[in-house]
Amino acid sequence: MTGEGRDMAVDSWGRARTILGAAGLPADRLTGVTPLTGGTYNAVEELRLADGGRYVLKVPPAPTVPGLRYERRLLVGEAEFYRGAAQADVPAPRVLALSGPAADVPYLLMTACPGTTWDDGALNATEQGALRAELGRAVARLHRVTGPGFGYPSGALGPLAADWRTAFTAMFDAVLDDARHYRARLPRPVDEIALAVRAAGGALEEVTEPCLVHFDLWPGNILVDRSSGAPRVSGLIDGERMFWGDPAADFVSLALLGDIRKDEAFLAGYREAGGRADFDRPASLRLALYRAYLYMIMLTETVPRAVGEEHEAWVRQMVDPELLAALAEIEELTP
């Protein structure tokens, strides 16, 4: 190991012990600190104690690292999501400690969930359908949790708004500004996208209750556990994109680069648990707006994250057509 590697390891272990101690956990029993891959913004580590306890520590990048406007203080929103999941009796990490706003090194310490990320290849058709229905029931319970206003609880884009149209307009305007700032390569000019979204704003006024929205429920953020036999959903993780808003916004990542309306098992479970999933014209218009928002984020974030030409080309190949389709649907459905 190089001298630089030793210093990094000592820093990581020392930070972990300090945070464990502040959370009232036996820092002297720390036996392992392992970086976890899969995240694209925060640094994530698994902490293991001698008694078998497993915890997850998240630390954001330094303030000088470029990012999107909504990405400031993401850990505040993630902690809010886990508190809401506990209220809804949905499996998710439990928050043990969240640093205050004045902390030199912001962090979120949470429990670890059992299981591994959802892998369609390891599931037969019966298991897949049962899990999608179980996930639908869990998401419906999440959507019964409500907040004090609309928008990101982190305050990254300002205080929570009294109505969803105001909040979502600010959210979309922020990513449009990011796209301009970073000169992101998009399949349509930024100003054209802005006009299409603005014209459809009236559909947002149907949403009157700020519900808990994860907004990143792709398979990589859903844990599945098989230790008791039949697979079960064991944890919804990485709630850092969370906001208070329209429950239908969660349908985008739940069918990432696809169409939730074709996921019969999920929708059956969601409706069974009381979730509303009607796809009339206004609801379809809102869903298209949320698709456009997420795909704008996915395309724009490649610039500040410096993902490299090969990865950027892959993202554009996969996401450009979906953004274009969402924009076409917005324009077709806008009164």
C-alpha atoms as a PDB file:
ATOM      1  CA  MET A   1       0.000   0.000   0.000  1.00  0.00           C
ATOM      2  CA  THR A   2       1.340   3.455  -0.866  1.00  0.00           C
ATOM      3  CA  GLY A   3       1.680   6.214   1.711  1.00  0.00           C
ATOM      4  CA  GLU A   4      -1.303   7.969   0.114  1.00  0.00           C
ATOM      5  CA  GLY A   5      -3.398   4.794   0.456  1.00  0.00           C
ATOM      6  CA  ARG A   6      -2.512   4.437   4.141  1.00  0.00           C
ATOM      7  CA  ASP A   7      -3.451   8.061   4.834  1.00  0.00           C
ATOM      8  CA  MET A   8      -6.804   7.637   3.102  1.00  0.00           C
ATOM      9  CA  ALA A   9      -7.482   4.447   5.094  1.00  0.00           C
ATOM     10  CA  VAL A  10      -6.553   6.098   8.410  1.00  0.00           C
ATOM     11  CA  ASP A  11      -8.797   9.074   7.606  1.00  0.00           C
ATOM     12  CA  SER A  12     -11.693   6.797   6.730  1.00  0.00           C
ATOM     13  CA  TRP A  13     -11.369   4.709   9.890  1.00  0.00           C
ATOM     14  CA  GLY A  14     -10.888   7.744  12.085  1.00  0.00           C
ATOM     15  CA  ARG A  15     -13.953   9.435  10.619  1.00  0.00           C
ATOM     16  CA  ALA A  16     -15.992   6.254  11.060  1.00  0.00           C
ATOM     17  CA  ARG A  17     -14.988   5.914  14.723  1.00  0.00           C
ATOM     18  CA  THR A  18     -15.822   9.554  15.428  1.00  0.00           C
ATOM     19  CA  ILE A  19     -19.267   9.283  13.855  1.00  0.00           C
ATOM     20  CA  LEU A  20     -20.052   5.948  15.520  1.00  0.00           C
ATOM     21  CA  GLY A  21     -19.113   7.393  18.895  1.00  0.00           C
ATOM     22  CA  ALA A  22     -21.271  10.488  18.335  1.00  0.00           C
ATOM     23  CA  ALA A  23     -24.200   8.144  17.563  1.00  0.00           C
ATOM     24  CA  GLY A  24     -23.701   6.268  20.828  1.00  0.00           C
ATOM     25  CA  LEU A  25     -22.284   3.147  19.192  1.00  0.00           C
ATOM     26  CA  PRO A  26     -19.113   1.320  20.379  1.00  0.00           C
ATOM     27  CA  ALA A  27     -16.541   2.901  18.082  1.00  0.00           C
ATOM     28  CA  ASP A  28     -13.772   0.773  19.594  1.00  0.00           C
ATOM     29  CA  ARG A  29     -15.486  -2.349  18.195  1.00  0.00           C
ATOM     30  CA  LEU A  30     -15.114  -1.209  14.583  1.00  0.00           C
ATOM     31  CA  THR A  31     -13.624  -4.058  12.526  1.00  0.00           C
ATOM     32  CA  GLY A  32     -14.198  -3.025   8.922  1.00  0.00           C
ATOM     33  CA  VAL A  33     -14.728  -0.032   6.645  1.00  0.00           C
ATOM     34  CA  THR A  34     -15.619  -1.010   3.091  1.00  0.00           C
ATOM     35  CA  PRO A  35     -16.429   1.431   0.272  1.00  0.00           C
ATOM     36  CA  LEU A  36     -19.699   0.573  -1.482  1.00  0.00           C
ATOM     37  CA  THR A  37     -20.037   1.063  -5.217  1.00  0.00           C
ATOM     38  CA  GLY A  38     -23.104   1.913  -7.265  1.00  0.00           C
ATOM     39  CA  GLY A  39     -23.693   5.440  -6.034  1.00  0.00           C
ATOM     40  CA  THR A  40     -23.003   8.331  -8.367  1.00  0.00           C
ATOM     41  CA  TYR A  41     -22.685  11.302  -6.021  1.00  0.00           C
ATOM     42  CA  ASN A  42     -22.105  10.669  -2.298  1.00  0.00           C
ATOM     43  CA  ALA A  43     -19.291   8.501  -0.910  1.00  0.00           C
ATOM     44  CA  VAL A  44     -20.783   5.408   0.763  1.00  0.00           C
ATOM     45  CA  GLU A  45     -19.088   3.018   3.197  1.00  0.00           C
ATOM     46  CA  GLU A  46     -20.221  -0.058   5.101  1.00  0.00           C
ATOM     47  CA  LEU A  47     -19.064  -0.097   8.723  1.00  0.00           C
ATOM     48  CA  ARG A  48     -18.826  -3.459  10.504  1.00  0.00           C
ATOM     49  CA  LEU A  49     -18.564  -3.976  14.252  1.00  0.00           C
ATOM     50  CA  ALA A  50     -17.214  -6.940  16.173  1.00  0.00           C
ATOM     51  CA  ASP A  51     -20.712  -7.915  17.346  1.00  0.00           C
ATOM     52  CA  GLY A  52     -21.844  -8.374  13.730  1.00  0.00           C
ATOM     53  CA  GLY A  53     -23.538  -4.988  13.480  1.00  0.00           C
ATOM     54  CA  ARG A  54     -23.563  -3.441  10.011  1.00  0.00           C
ATOM     55  CA  TYR A  55     -24.080   0.244   9.313  1.00  0.00           C
ATOM     56  CA  VAL A  56     -23.896   2.503   6.262  1.00  0.00           C
ATOM     57  CA  LEU A  57     -22.179   5.883   6.285  1.00  0.00           C
ATOM     58  CA  LYS A  58     -22.767   8.480   3.562  1.00  0.00           C
ATOM     59  CA  VAL A  59     -20.612  11.559   3.083  1.00  0.00           C
ATOM     60  CA  PRO A  60     -21.207  14.116   0.308  1.00  0.00           C
ATOM     61  CA  PRO A  61     -18.435  15.475  -1.901  1.00  0.00           C
ATOM     62  CA  ALA A  62     -16.715  18.715  -0.976  1.00  0.00           C
ATOM     63  CA  PRO A  63     -18.687  21.910  -1.712  1.00  0.00           C
ATOM     64  CA  THR A  64     -16.195  22.752  -4.460  1.00  0.00           C
ATOM     65  CA  VAL A  65     -17.147  19.650  -6.460  1.00  0.00           C
ATOM     66  CA  PRO A  66     -19.512  20.691  -9.279  1.00  0.00           C
ATOM     67  CA  GLY A  67     -23.045  19.331  -9.292  1.00  0.00           C
ATOM     68  CA  LEU A  68     -26.649  20.144 -10.096  1.00  0.00           C
ATOM     69  CA  ARG A  69     -28.525  22.757  -8.092  1.00  0.00           C
ATOM     70  CA  TYR A  70     -30.892  20.310  -6.424  1.00  0.00           C
ATOM     71  CA  GLU A  71     -27.959  18.197  -5.188  1.00  0.00           C
ATOM     72  CA  ARG A  72     -27.045  20.496  -2.306  1.00  0.00           C
ATOM     73  CA  ARG A  73     -27.718  18.933   1.125  1.00  0.00           C
ATOM     74  CA  LEU A  74     -29.063  15.729  -0.401  1.00  0.00           C
ATOM     75  CA  LEU A  75     -28.574  13.855   2.867  1.00  0.00           C
ATOM     76  CA  VAL A  76     -31.327  15.945   4.486  1.00  0.00           C
ATOM     77  CA  GLY A  77     -33.832  14.604   1.976  1.00  0.00           C
ATOM     78  CA  GLU A  78     -32.508  11.057   2.293  1.00  0.00           C
ATOM     79  CA  ALA A  79     -32.949  11.100   6.066  1.00  0.00           C
ATOM     80  CA  GLU A  80     -36.455  12.488   5.565  1.00  0.00           C
ATOM     81  CA  PHE A  81     -37.277   9.618   3.237  1.00  0.00           C
ATOM     82  CA  TYR A  82     -36.145   6.977   5.743  1.00  0.00           C
ATOM     83  CA  ARG A  83     -38.181   8.564   8.513  1.00  0.00           C
ATOM     84  CA  GLY A  84     -41.213   8.507   6.234  1.00  0.00           C
ATOM     85  CA  ALA A  85     -40.552   4.883   5.263  1.00  0.00           C
ATOM     86  CA  ALA A  86     -40.475   3.930   8.954  1.00  0.00           C
ATOM     87  CA  GLN A  87     -43.793   5.727   9.444  1.00  0.00           C
ATOM     88  CA  ALA A  88     -45.253   3.770   6.502  1.00  0.00           C
ATOM     89  CA  ASP A  89     -43.816   0.440   7.726  1.00  0.00           C
ATOM     90  CA  VAL A  90     -41.810   0.068   4.531  1.00  0.00           C
ATOM     91  CA  PRO A  91     -38.412  -1.697   4.747  1.00  0.00           C
ATOM     92  CA  ALA A  92     -35.608   0.854   4.515  1.00  0.00           C
ATOM     93  CA  PRO A  93     -32.523   1.907   6.486  1.00  0.00           C
ATOM     94  CA  ARG A  94     -33.111   3.495   9.880  1.00  0.00           C
ATOM     95  CA  VAL A  95     -31.472   6.876  10.512  1.00  0.00           C
ATOM     96  CA  LEU A  96     -29.009   6.800  13.414  1.00  0.00           C
ATOM     97  CA  ALA A  97     -27.321  10.182  12.995  1.00  0.00           C
ATOM     98  CA  LEU A  98     -27.472  13.140  10.619  1.00  0.00           C
ATOM     99  CA  SER A  99     -24.926  15.919  10.940  1.00  0.00           C
ATOM    100  CA  GLY A 100     -26.105  19.449  11.582  1.00  0.00           C
ATOM    101  CA  PRO A 101     -25.817  22.236   8.982  1.00  0.00           C
ATOM    102  CA  ALA A 102     -22.656  23.607  10.619  1.00  0.00           C
ATOM    103  CA  ALA A 103     -20.716  20.314  10.529  1.00  0.00           C
ATOM    104  CA  ASP A 104     -17.262  20.425   8.948  1.00  0.00           C
ATOM    105  CA  VAL A 105     -17.934  17.054   7.316  1.00  0.00           C
ATOM    106  CA  PRO A 106     -21.644  16.398   6.646  1.00  0.00           C
ATOM    107  CA  TYR A 107     -22.714  12.775   7.035  1.00  0.00           C
ATOM    108  CA  LEU A 108     -25.649  10.399   7.364  1.00  0.00           C
ATOM    109  CA  LEU A 109     -25.266   7.219   9.449  1.00  0.00           C
ATOM    110  CA  MET A 110     -27.922   4.544   9.040  1.00  0.00           C
ATOM    111  CA  THR A 111     -28.557   0.867   9.577  1.00  0.00           C
ATOM    112  CA  ALA A 112     -27.813  -1.604   6.780  1.00  0.00           C
ATOM    113  CA  CYS A 113     -30.634  -3.606   5.202  1.00  0.00           C
ATOM    114  CA  PRO A 114     -30.301  -7.308   4.373  1.00  0.00           C
ATOM    115  CA  GLY A 115     -30.284  -8.567   0.826  1.00  0.00           C
ATOM    116  CA  THR A 116     -28.757  -7.569  -2.488  1.00  0.00           C
ATOM    117  CA  THR A 117     -29.897  -5.270  -5.264  1.00  0.00           C
ATOM    118  CA  TRP A 118     -32.771  -6.487  -7.431  1.00  0.00           C
ATOM    119  CA  ASP A 119     -31.471  -8.755 -10.211  1.00  0.00           C
ATOM    120  CA  ASP A 120     -34.092  -9.823 -12.752  1.00  0.00           C
ATOM    121  CA  GLY A 121     -31.754 -12.545 -13.975  1.00  0.00           C
ATOM    122  CA  ALA A 122     -31.906 -14.319 -10.612  1.00  0.00           C
ATOM    123  CA  LEU A 123     -35.729 -14.390 -10.506  1.00  0.00           C
ATOM    124  CA  ASN A 124     -38.180 -16.609 -12.319  1.00  0.00           C
ATOM    125  CA  ALA A 125     -41.418 -15.197 -13.706  1.00  0.00           C
ATOM    126  CA  THR A 126     -43.474 -16.159 -10.642  1.00  0.00           C
ATOM    127  CA  GLU A 127     -40.973 -14.583  -8.243  1.00  0.00           C
ATOM    128  CA  GLN A 128     -40.718 -11.488 -10.412  1.00  0.00           C
ATOM    129  CA  GLY A 129     -44.488 -10.962 -10.424  1.00  0.00           C
ATOM    130  CA  ALA A 130     -44.814 -11.526  -6.678  1.00  0.00           C
ATOM    131  CA  LEU A 131     -42.008  -9.085  -5.927  1.00  0.00           C
ATOM    132  CA  ARG A 132     -43.428  -6.408  -8.229  1.00  0.00           C
ATOM    133  CA  ALA A 133     -46.804  -6.715  -6.483  1.00  0.00           C
ATOM    134  CA  GLU A 134     -45.099  -6.538  -3.075  1.00  0.00           C
ATOM    135  CA  LEU A 135     -43.201  -3.459  -4.225  1.00  0.00           C
ATOM    136  CA  GLY A 136     -46.461  -1.897  -5.417  1.00  0.00           C
ATOM    137  CA  ARG A 137     -48.019  -2.357  -1.979  1.00  0.00           C
ATOM    138  CA  ALA A 138     -44.952  -0.850  -0.290  1.00  0.00           C
ATOM    139  CA  VAL A 139     -44.907   2.202  -2.589  1.00  0.00           C
ATOM    140  CA  ALA A 140     -48.635   2.762  -2.005  1.00  0.00           C
ATOM    141  CA  ARG A 141     -47.948   2.877   1.753  1.00  0.00           C
ATOM    142  CA  LEU A 142     -45.123   5.360   1.166  1.00  0.00           C
ATOM    143  CA  HIS A 143     -47.484   7.613  -0.737  1.00  0.00           C
ATOM    144  CA  ARG A 144     -49.790   7.889   2.262  1.00  0.00           C
ATOM    145  CA  VAL A 145     -47.049   9.808   4.105  1.00  0.00           C
ATOM    146  CA  THR A 146     -47.477  13.557   3.635  1.00  0.00           C
ATOM    147  CA  GLY A 147     -45.257  16.532   4.294  1.00  0.00           C
ATOM    148  CA  PRO A 148     -45.517  20.201   5.263  1.00  0.00           C
ATOM    149  CA  GLY A 149     -45.203  21.579   1.723  1.00  0.00           C
ATOM    150  CA  PHE A 150     -44.096  20.778  -1.825  1.00  0.00           C
ATOM    151  CA  GLY A 151     -40.534  20.400  -3.081  1.00  0.00           C
ATOM    152  CA  TYR A 152     -37.111  19.340  -1.794  1.00  0.00           C
ATOM    153  CA  PRO A 153     -36.867  19.405   2.032  1.00  0.00           C
ATOM    154  CA  SER A 154     -33.149  20.184   1.767  1.00  0.00           C
ATOM    155  CA  GLY A 155     -33.922  23.798   0.860  1.00  0.00           C
ATOM    156  CA  ALA A 156     -31.529  23.511  -2.090  1.00  0.00           C
ATOM    157  CA  LEU A 157     -34.038  25.285  -4.335  1.00  0.00           C
ATOM    158  CA  GLY A 158     -35.575  27.455  -1.625  1.00  0.00           C
ATOM    159  CA  PRO A 159     -38.273  26.801   0.966  1.00  0.00           C
ATOM    160  CA  LEU A 160     -41.104  24.349   0.437  1.00  0.00           C
ATOM    161  CA  ALA A 161     -43.915  25.739  -1.706  1.00  0.00           C
ATOM    162  CA  ALA A 162     -47.614  25.903  -0.882  1.00  0.00           C
ATOM    163  CA  ASP A 163     -48.621  24.302  -4.197  1.00  0.00           C
ATOM    164  CA  TRP A 164     -47.190  21.656  -6.499  1.00  0.00           C
ATOM    165  CA  ARG A 165     -47.180  23.767  -9.657  1.00  0.00           C
ATOM    166  CA  THR A 166     -44.911  26.342  -8.023  1.00  0.00           C
ATOM    167  CA  ALA A 167     -42.606  23.673  -6.603  1.00  0.00           C
ATOM    168  CA  PHE A 168     -42.277  21.572  -9.747  1.00  0.00           C
ATOM    169  CA  THR A 169     -41.800  24.622 -11.948  1.00  0.00           C
ATOM    170  CA  ALA A 170     -38.885  25.665  -9.723  1.00  0.00           C
ATOM    171  CA  MET A 171     -37.465  22.143  -9.859  1.00  0.00           C
ATOM    172  CA  PHE A 172     -37.614  21.974 -13.652  1.00  0.00           C
ATOM    173  CA  ASP A 173     -36.308  25.531 -14.035  1.00  0.00           C
ATOM    174  CA  ALA A 174     -33.300  24.564 -11.906  1.00  0.00           C
ATOM    175  CA  VAL A 175     -32.311  21.642 -14.129  1.00  0.00           C
ATOM    176  CA  LEU A 176     -32.873  23.792 -17.216  1.00  0.00           C
ATOM    177  CA  ASP A 177     -30.482  26.362 -15.736  1.00  0.00           C
ATOM    178  CA  ASP A 178     -28.004  23.556 -15.005  1.00  0.00           C
ATOM    179  CA  ALA A 179     -28.248  22.391 -18.613  1.00  0.00           C
ATOM    180  CA  ARG A 180     -27.503  25.909 -19.830  1.00  0.00           C
ATOM    181  CA  HIS A 181     -24.664  26.378 -17.345  1.00  0.00           C
ATOM    182  CA  TYR A 182     -22.947  23.102 -18.203  1.00  0.00           C
ATOM    183  CA  ARG A 183     -23.837  23.287 -21.907  1.00  0.00           C
ATOM    184  CA  ALA A 184     -25.312  19.820 -21.742  1.00  0.00           C
ATOM    185  CA  ARG A 185     -25.908  18.107 -25.076  1.00  0.00           C
ATOM    186  CA  LEU A 186     -29.647  17.609 -25.371  1.00  0.00           C
ATOM    187  CA  PRO A 187     -31.806  16.271 -28.219  1.00  0.00           C
ATOM    188  CA  ARG A 188     -33.771  19.548 -28.327  1.00  0.00           C
ATOM    189  CA  PRO A 189     -32.780  23.142 -27.477  1.00  0.00           C
ATOM    190  CA  VAL A 190     -33.176  24.034 -23.808  1.00  0.00           C
ATOM    191  CA  ASP A 191     -35.529  26.930 -24.535  1.00  0.00           C
ATOM    192  CA  GLU A 192     -37.847  24.672 -26.555  1.00  0.00           C
ATOM    193  CA  ILE A 193     -37.993  22.230 -23.665  1.00  0.00           C
ATOM    194  CA  ALA A 194     -38.738  25.079 -21.256  1.00  0.00           C
ATOM    195  CA  LEU A 195     -41.641  26.315 -23.398  1.00  0.00           C
ATOM    196  CA  ALA A 196     -43.211  22.856 -23.663  1.00  0.00           C
ATOM    197  CA  VAL A 197     -43.013  22.287 -19.909  1.00  0.00           C
ATOM    198  CA  ARG A 198     -44.344  25.739 -19.022  1.00  0.00           C
ATOM    199  CA  ALA A 199     -47.343  25.328 -21.325  1.00  0.00           C
ATOM    200  CA  ALA A 200     -48.334  22.110 -19.527  1.00  0.00           C
ATOM    201  CA  GLY A 201     -48.158  23.581 -16.021  1.00  0.00           C
ATOM    202  CA  GLY A 202     -51.909  23.664 -15.523  1.00  0.00           C
ATOM    203  CA  ALA A 203     -52.026  19.862 -15.161  1.00  0.00           C
ATOM    204  CA  LEU A 204     -49.961  20.147 -11.974  1.00  0.00           C
ATOM    205  CA  GLU A 205     -52.720  22.030 -10.215  1.00  0.00           C
ATOM    206  CA  GLU A 206     -54.684  18.795  -9.745  1.00  0.00           C
ATOM    207  CA  VAL A 207     -52.125  17.724  -7.113  1.00  0.00           C
ATOM    208  CA  THR A 208     -53.166  19.173  -3.758  1.00  0.00           C
ATOM    209  CA  GLU A 209     -51.370  16.997  -1.186  1.00  0.00           C
ATOM    210  CA  PRO A 210     -47.559  16.797  -0.800  1.00  0.00           C
ATOM    211  CA  CYS A 211     -46.791  13.075  -0.633  1.00  0.00           C
ATOM    212  CA  LEU A 212     -43.518  11.263  -0.014  1.00  0.00           C
ATOM    213  CA  VAL A 213     -41.792  10.573  -3.346  1.00  0.00           C
ATOM    214  CA  HIS A 214     -38.531   8.587  -3.582  1.00  0.00           C
ATOM    215  CA  PHE A 215     -37.998   9.371  -7.301  1.00  0.00           C
ATOM    216  CA  ASP A 216     -35.127   6.908  -7.778  1.00  0.00           C
ATOM    217  CA  LEU A 217     -36.726   3.468  -7.380  1.00  0.00           C
ATOM    218  CA  TRP A 218     -34.892   1.670 -10.165  1.00  0.00           C
ATOM    219  CA  PRO A 219     -33.763  -1.933  -9.391  1.00  0.00           C
ATOM    220  CA  GLY A 220     -30.351  -0.782  -8.132  1.00  0.00           C
ATOM    221  CA  ASN A 221     -32.060   0.962  -5.198  1.00  0.00           C
ATOM    222  CA  ILE A 222     -34.336  -1.953  -4.274  1.00  0.00           C
ATOM    223  CA  LEU A 223     -32.891  -4.728  -2.106  1.00  0.00           C
ATOM    224  CA  VAL A 224     -34.170  -8.301  -2.288  1.00  0.00           C
ATOM    225  CA  ASP A 225     -33.528 -10.921   0.411  1.00  0.00           C
ATOM    226  CA  ARG A 226     -33.782 -14.698  -0.128  1.00  0.00           C
ATOM    227  CA  SER A 227     -32.491 -15.844   3.269  1.00  0.00           C
ATOM    228  CA  SER A 228     -35.937 -17.070   4.380  1.00  0.00           C
ATOM    229  CA  GLY A 229     -36.780 -18.876   1.159  1.00  0.00           C
ATOM    230  CA  ALA A 230     -39.043 -16.927  -1.188  1.00  0.00           C
ATOM    231  CA  PRO A 231     -37.524 -13.583  -2.219  1.00  0.00           C
ATOM    232  CA  ARG A 232     -38.913 -10.484  -0.551  1.00  0.00           C
ATOM    233  CA  VAL A 233     -38.314  -6.751  -0.815  1.00  0.00           C
ATOM    234  CA  SER A 234     -35.946  -6.056   2.081  1.00  0.00           C
ATOM    235  CA  GLY A 235     -35.059  -2.394   1.626  1.00  0.00           C
ATOM    236  CA  LEU A 236     -35.643   0.744  -0.406  1.00  0.00           C
ATOM    237  CA  ILE A 237     -32.358   2.621  -0.330  1.00  0.00           C
ATOM    238  CA  ASP A 238     -30.664   5.771  -1.678  1.00  0.00           C
ATOM    239  CA  GLY A 239     -33.578   8.110  -1.017  1.00  0.00           C
ATOM    240  CA  GLU A 240     -31.459  11.185  -1.702  1.00  0.00           C
ATOM    241  CA  ARG A 241     -33.587  12.427  -4.628  1.00  0.00           C
ATOM    242  CA  MET A 242     -36.657  12.440  -2.349  1.00  0.00           C
ATOM    243  CA  PHE A 243     -39.166  15.284  -2.479  1.00  0.00           C
ATOM    244  CA  TRP A 244     -42.708  16.071  -1.354  1.00  0.00           C
ATOM    245  CA  GLY A 245     -44.979  16.045  -4.382  1.00  0.00           C
ATOM    246  CA  ASP A 246     -47.178  14.031  -6.721  1.00  0.00           C
ATOM    247  CA  PRO A 247     -47.069  10.265  -6.037  1.00  0.00           C
ATOM    248  CA  ALA A 248     -47.243   9.625  -9.788  1.00  0.00           C
ATOM    249  CA  ALA A 249     -43.690  10.989 -10.070  1.00  0.00           C
ATOM    250  CA  ASP A 250     -42.424   7.723  -8.573  1.00  0.00           C
ATOM    251  CA  PHE A 251     -43.780   5.821 -11.572  1.00  0.00           C
ATOM    252  CA  VAL A 252     -40.928   7.151 -13.724  1.00  0.00           C
ATOM    253  CA  SER A 253     -37.983   5.440 -12.019  1.00  0.00           C
ATOM    254  CA  LEU A 254     -40.124   2.401 -11.186  1.00  0.00           C
ATOM    255  CA  ALA A 255     -40.242   1.829 -14.958  1.00  0.00           C
ATOM    256  CA  LEU A 256     -36.987   3.564 -15.879  1.00  0.00           C
ATOM    257  CA  LEU A 257     -36.726   4.011 -19.662  1.00  0.00           C
ATOM    258  CA  GLY A 258     -40.036   2.163 -19.907  1.00  0.00           C
ATOM    259  CA  ASP A 259     -43.751   2.554 -19.206  1.00  0.00           C
ATOM    260  CA  ILE A 260     -45.270   1.794 -15.792  1.00  0.00           C
ATOM    261  CA  ARG A 261     -48.641   1.280 -17.471  1.00  0.00           C
ATOM    262  CA  LYS A 262     -47.340  -2.069 -18.758  1.00  0.00           C
ATOM    263  CA  ASP A 263     -46.305  -3.303 -15.279  1.00  0.00           C
ATOM    264  CA  GLU A 264     -49.508  -5.116 -14.377  1.00  0.00           C
ATOM    265  CA  ALA A 265     -48.139  -6.841 -11.262  1.00  0.00           C
ATOM    266  CA  PHE A 266     -46.843  -3.619  -9.724  1.00  0.00           C
ATOM    267  CA  LEU A 267     -50.039  -1.714 -10.471  1.00  0.00           C
ATOM    268  CA  ALA A 268     -52.177  -4.525  -9.034  1.00  0.00           C
ATOM    269  CA  GLY A 269     -50.249  -4.402  -5.768  1.00  0.00           C
ATOM    270  CA  TYR A 270     -50.266  -0.611  -5.721  1.00  0.00           C
ATOM    271  CA  ARG A 271     -54.032  -0.416  -6.204  1.00  0.00           C
ATOM    272  CA  GLU A 272     -54.651  -3.248  -3.755  1.00  0.00           C
ATOM    273  CA  ALA A 273     -52.943  -1.187  -1.032  1.00  0.00           C
ATOM    274  CA  GLY A 274     -55.007   1.906  -1.844  1.00  0.00           C
ATOM    275  CA  GLY A 275     -52.721   3.637  -4.325  1.00  0.00           C
ATOM    276  CA  ARG A 276     -54.320   5.669  -7.088  1.00  0.00           C
ATOM    277  CA  ALA A 277     -53.043   4.836 -10.557  1.00  0.00           C
ATOM    278  CA  ASP A 278     -55.437   6.329 -13.078  1.00  0.00           C
ATOM    279  CA  PHE A 279     -53.902   7.276 -16.408  1.00  0.00           C
ATOM    280  CA  ASP A 280     -56.443   9.696 -17.803  1.00  0.00           C
ATOM    281  CA  ARG A 281     -55.308  12.649 -19.907  1.00  0.00           C
ATOM    282  CA  PRO A 282     -54.233  14.975 -17.038  1.00  0.00           C
ATOM    283  CA  ALA A 283     -52.464  12.140 -15.193  1.00  0.00           C
ATOM    284  CA  SER A 284     -50.689  11.042 -18.376  1.00  0.00           C
ATOM    285  CA  LEU A 285     -49.575  14.619 -18.973  1.00  0.00           C
ATOM    286  CA  ARG A 286     -48.137  14.870 -15.479  1.00  0.00           C
ATOM    287  CA  LEU A 287     -46.364  11.539 -15.910  1.00  0.00           C
ATOM    288  CA  ALA A 288     -44.790  12.823 -19.136  1.00  0.00           C
ATOM    289  CA  LEU A 289     -43.609  15.951 -17.289  1.00  0.00           C
ATOM    290  CA  TYR A 290     -41.941  13.828 -14.600  1.00  0.00           C
ATOM    291  CA  ARG A 291     -40.312  11.624 -17.213  1.00  0.00           C
ATOM    292  CA  ALA A 292     -38.912  14.711 -18.922  1.00  0.00           C
ATOM    293  CA  TYR A 293     -37.618  16.010 -15.587  1.00  0.00           C
ATOM    294  CA  LEU A 294     -35.754  12.814 -14.687  1.00  0.00           C
ATOM    295  CA  TYR A 295     -34.318  12.381 -18.165  1.00  0.00           C
ATOM    296  CA  MET A 296     -33.136  16.005 -18.156  1.00  0.00           C
ATOM    297  CA  ILE A 297     -31.310  15.270 -14.902  1.00  0.00           C
ATOM    298  CA  MET A 298     -29.744  12.100 -16.307  1.00  0.00           C
ATOM    299  CA  LEU A 299     -28.450  13.902 -19.403  1.00  0.00           C
ATOM    300  CA  THR A 300     -27.258  17.055 -17.653  1.00  0.00           C
ATOM    301  CA  GLU A 301     -25.455  15.384 -14.744  1.00  0.00           C
ATOM    302  CA  THR A 302     -23.026  13.655 -17.115  1.00  0.00           C
ATOM    303  CA  VAL A 303     -21.202  16.980 -17.526  1.00  0.00           C
ATOM    304  CA  PRO A 304     -20.330  17.933 -13.910  1.00  0.00           C
ATOM    305  CA  ARG A 305     -19.631  14.261 -13.128  1.00  0.00           C
ATOM    306  CA  ALA A 306     -17.213  14.052 -16.073  1.00  0.00           C
ATOM    307  CA  VAL A 307     -18.390  10.533 -16.916  1.00  0.00           C
ATOM    308  CA  GLY A 308     -16.234  10.204 -20.018  1.00  0.00           C
ATOM    309  CA  GLU A 309     -17.145  10.034 -23.676  1.00  0.00           C
ATOM    310  CA  GLU A 310     -18.088   6.343 -23.759  1.00  0.00           C
ATOM    311  CA  HIS A 311     -20.504   6.555 -20.826  1.00  0.00           C
ATOM    312  CA  GLU A 312     -21.942   9.848 -22.047  1.00  0.00           C
ATOM    313  CA  ALA A 313     -22.576   8.302 -25.468  1.00  0.00           C
ATOM    314  CA  TRP A 314     -24.379   5.370 -23.795  1.00  0.00           C
ATOM    315  CA  VAL A 315     -26.555   7.719 -21.731  1.00  0.00           C
ATOM    316  CA  ARG A 316     -27.455   9.779 -24.765  1.00  0.00           C
ATOM    317  CA  GLN A 317     -28.263   6.656 -26.790  1.00  0.00           C
ATOM    318  CA  MET A 318     -30.605   5.380 -24.061  1.00  0.00           C
ATOM    319  CA  VAL A 319     -32.082   8.607 -22.696  1.00  0.00           C
ATOM    320  CA  ASP A 320     -32.340  10.956 -25.698  1.00  0.00           C
ATOM    321  CA  PRO A 321     -35.197   8.971 -27.308  1.00  0.00           C
ATOM    322  CA  GLU A 322     -37.061   8.792 -23.987  1.00  0.00           C
ATOM    323  CA  LEU A 323     -36.788  12.537 -23.421  1.00  0.00           C
ATOM    324  CA  LEU A 324     -37.975  13.202 -26.971  1.00  0.00           C
ATOM    325  CA  ALA A 325     -40.926  10.848 -26.479  1.00  0.00           C
ATOM    326  CA  ALA A 326     -41.860  12.519 -23.195  1.00  0.00           C
ATOM    327  CA  LEU A 327     -41.707  15.982 -24.772  1.00  0.00           C
ATOM    328  CA  ALA A 328     -43.821  14.814 -27.727  1.00  0.00           C
ATOM    329  CA  GLU A 329     -46.437  13.444 -25.309  1.00  0.00           C
ATOM    330  CA  ILE A 330     -46.407  16.693 -23.326  1.00  0.00           C
ATOM    331  CA  GLU A 331     -47.061  18.709 -26.469  1.00  0.00           C
ATOM    332  CA  GLU A 332     -49.740  16.312 -27.668  1.00  0.00           C
ATOM    333  CA  LEU A 333     -51.623  16.250 -24.332  1.00  0.00           C
ATOM    334  CA  THR A 334     -51.299  19.932 -23.436  1.00  0.00           C
ATOM    335  CA  PRO A 335     -54.713  21.583 -23.830  1.00  0.00           C
END
